[in-house]
Amino acid sequence: MRITKNKEQRTKVWKFGFTLMELLVVISIIAILITVGLTSFSTAQKKARDSKRKNDIKEVQTALEQYYSVCGSVYPTGADDSFYAGGIVCSSPSLAMMPTVPSDPRGTPPYYCPTPAATNCTSLTYQICASLESETPSTFCLTNQQ
C-alpha cells in the first residue's frame, strides 16, 4: 500500500509542471515576435530619417531661393565638402537666410553637391542631394528653381 501511495504522489507532482516541448514552443513564438518587432522598428527609423533628410533639403532649397531673390540674383558658392558650413548668409544686405544648415540625422553621409561642385553649385545654379536609406532611388536631389 505504501508504494502505491508514493506513486500517486509522484504523478501528481509531475502534472503541475510544463513539459520541455511546451517551453520550447513558447520560447520559439516569443523569439519570432521579437524578430518581427525589431525589423519593423528598424524600417520605421530608416523611413523617419529619410523624411527628415528630404525636409532638410527642401529647407536648404528655400533658403537658397531666398538668397537668390534678396542678394542680387545669384546663389551662394562654396558648397563643397563643407556644404555651406557657415550657413546661407547674404553679406549685402546683412541677412541670414539659414544661419546653420541642418546636418544628416546619422552624420554620414552628409548632404552634398554632386561632384564636381564647381559645376553643380555655382552662383548661377545648384543641385543639392541627400543619400536615403530605405527608398529607391537611393538619392534625393533638388535643383534651382530660377
Protein backbone atom coordinates (compact mmCIF):
# COMPACT_ATOMS: atom_id res chain seq x y z
CA MET A 1 0.00 0.00 0.00
CA ARG A 2 2.70 2.37 0.84
CA ILE A 3 4.35 2.05 -2.58
CA THR A 4 1.09 2.84 -4.34
CA LYS A 5 0.65 5.96 -2.26
CA ASN A 6 4.11 7.23 -3.24
CA LYS A 7 3.44 6.58 -6.92
CA GLU A 8 0.23 8.61 -6.75
CA GLN A 9 2.04 11.48 -5.08
CA ARG A 10 4.81 11.40 -7.68
CA THR A 11 2.38 11.52 -10.60
CA LYS A 12 0.59 14.50 -9.05
CA VAL A 13 3.86 16.40 -8.73
CA TRP A 14 4.69 15.90 -12.41
CA LYS A 15 1.26 17.06 -13.59
CA PHE A 16 1.79 20.60 -12.27
CA GLY A 17 4.85 21.49 -14.41
CA PHE A 18 5.35 22.31 -18.10
CA THR A 19 6.88 19.83 -20.48
CA LEU A 20 10.07 20.65 -22.32
CA MET A 21 8.16 20.73 -25.60
CA GLU A 22 5.68 23.31 -24.30
CA LEU A 23 8.52 25.54 -23.11
CA LEU A 24 10.30 25.29 -26.47
CA VAL A 25 7.14 26.22 -28.37
CA VAL A 26 6.54 29.28 -26.18
CA ILE A 27 10.18 30.41 -26.42
CA SER A 28 10.10 29.99 -30.21
CA ILE A 29 6.94 32.08 -30.53
CA ILE A 30 8.45 34.83 -28.36
CA ALA A 31 11.65 34.82 -30.46
CA ILE A 32 9.66 35.15 -33.69
CA LEU A 33 7.63 38.06 -32.30
CA ILE A 34 10.79 39.86 -31.14
CA THR A 35 12.41 39.42 -34.56
CA VAL A 36 9.37 40.79 -36.39
CA GLY A 37 9.10 43.71 -33.96
CA LEU A 38 12.75 44.70 -34.28
CA THR A 39 12.62 44.53 -38.07
CA SER A 40 9.55 46.75 -38.19
CA PHE A 41 11.10 49.23 -35.76
CA SER A 42 14.32 49.41 -37.79
CA THR A 43 12.38 50.08 -41.00
CA ALA A 44 10.33 52.80 -39.31
CA GLN A 45 13.51 54.50 -38.08
CA LYS A 46 15.03 54.49 -41.57
CA LYS A 47 11.87 55.99 -43.07
CA ALA A 48 11.80 58.70 -40.39
CA ARG A 49 15.45 59.63 -41.09
CA ASP A 50 14.73 59.73 -44.84
CA SER A 51 11.77 62.02 -44.24
CA LYS A 52 13.96 64.36 -42.17
CA ARG A 53 16.59 64.38 -44.94
CA LYS A 54 14.00 65.36 -47.55
CA ASN A 55 12.62 68.13 -45.34
CA ASP A 56 16.14 69.41 -44.60
CA ILE A 57 16.99 69.57 -48.31
CA LYS A 58 13.72 71.42 -49.00
CA GLU A 59 14.57 73.93 -46.25
CA VAL A 60 18.02 74.46 -47.78
CA GLN A 61 16.40 74.95 -51.18
CA THR A 62 14.03 77.57 -49.73
CA ALA A 63 16.97 79.40 -48.13
CA LEU A 64 18.93 79.31 -51.41
CA GLU A 65 15.96 80.72 -53.33
CA GLN A 66 15.53 83.49 -50.73
CA TYR A 67 19.24 84.25 -51.07
CA TYR A 68 18.81 84.45 -54.86
CA SER A 69 15.89 86.88 -54.53
CA VAL A 70 17.47 89.17 -51.92
CA CYS A 71 21.19 89.09 -52.78
CA GLY A 72 21.29 90.10 -56.41
CA SER A 73 20.02 87.11 -58.42
CA VAL A 74 22.96 84.82 -57.58
CA TYR A 75 23.32 81.74 -55.41
CA PRO A 76 25.98 81.33 -52.72
CA THR A 77 29.00 79.33 -53.83
CA GLY A 78 31.47 77.20 -51.95
CA ALA A 79 29.26 74.20 -51.35
CA ASP A 80 31.97 71.58 -51.48
CA ASP A 81 32.67 69.04 -48.76
CA SER A 82 31.69 71.63 -46.14
CA PHE A 83 28.17 72.02 -47.65
CA TYR A 84 27.52 75.64 -46.69
CA ALA A 85 29.25 75.17 -43.33
CA GLY A 86 28.96 78.86 -42.48
CA GLY A 87 25.25 78.88 -43.19
CA ILE A 88 23.48 80.68 -46.02
CA VAL A 89 24.08 84.34 -45.26
CA CYS A 90 23.83 87.36 -47.54
CA SER A 91 26.55 89.93 -46.87
CA SER A 92 24.81 92.88 -48.52
CA PRO A 93 22.26 93.43 -47.10
CA SER A 94 23.40 91.58 -43.99
CA LEU A 95 20.75 88.91 -43.70
CA ALA A 96 20.89 85.26 -42.65
CA MET A 97 18.58 83.07 -44.72
CA MET A 98 19.76 79.99 -42.82
CA PRO A 99 22.39 80.66 -40.12
CA THR A 100 23.03 76.95 -39.60
CA VAL A 101 22.50 74.40 -42.33
CA PRO A 102 20.98 71.16 -40.96
CA SER A 103 23.11 68.05 -40.98
CA ASP A 104 22.25 64.48 -41.85
CA PRO A 105 20.44 62.63 -38.99
CA ARG A 106 23.18 60.00 -38.84
CA GLY A 107 26.04 62.38 -39.58
CA THR A 108 27.31 60.43 -42.57
CA PRO A 109 26.92 60.66 -45.46
CA PRO A 110 26.30 64.41 -45.26
CA TYR A 111 24.17 66.43 -47.60
CA TYR A 112 26.22 67.33 -50.63
CA CYS A 113 26.51 68.95 -54.03
CA PRO A 114 27.20 66.26 -56.64
CA THR A 115 30.73 66.30 -57.99
CA PRO A 116 32.04 68.37 -59.48
CA ALA A 117 30.73 71.00 -57.08
CA ALA A 118 32.27 73.65 -59.33
CA THR A 119 29.56 72.98 -61.93
CA ASN A 120 26.72 71.81 -59.68
CA CYS A 121 26.79 74.54 -57.01
CA THR A 122 27.73 77.82 -58.65
CA SER A 123 26.40 81.35 -58.42
CA LEU A 124 24.02 80.55 -61.31
CA THR A 125 22.80 77.07 -60.46
CA TYR A 126 22.81 74.44 -57.73
CA GLN A 127 21.90 70.83 -57.15
CA ILE A 128 21.77 69.59 -53.56
CA CYS A 129 21.38 65.94 -52.64
CA ALA A 130 20.93 63.58 -49.71
CA SER A 131 21.56 59.85 -49.59
CA LEU A 132 18.49 57.86 -48.50
CA GLU A 133 18.45 54.60 -46.55
CA SER A 134 15.12 52.99 -47.34
CA GLU A 135 13.87 54.33 -50.66
CA THR A 136 14.56 53.77 -54.32
CA PRO A 137 16.21 55.72 -55.88
CA SER A 138 18.65 56.00 -53.01
CA THR A 139 19.42 59.68 -53.68
CA PHE A 140 17.10 62.67 -53.26
CA CYS A 141 18.20 65.80 -55.15
CA LEU A 142 16.74 69.25 -55.71
CA THR A 143 17.90 71.87 -58.20
CA ASN A 144 17.49 75.62 -58.52
CA GLN A 145 14.08 76.99 -59.42
CA GLN A 146 15.27 80.11 -61.28
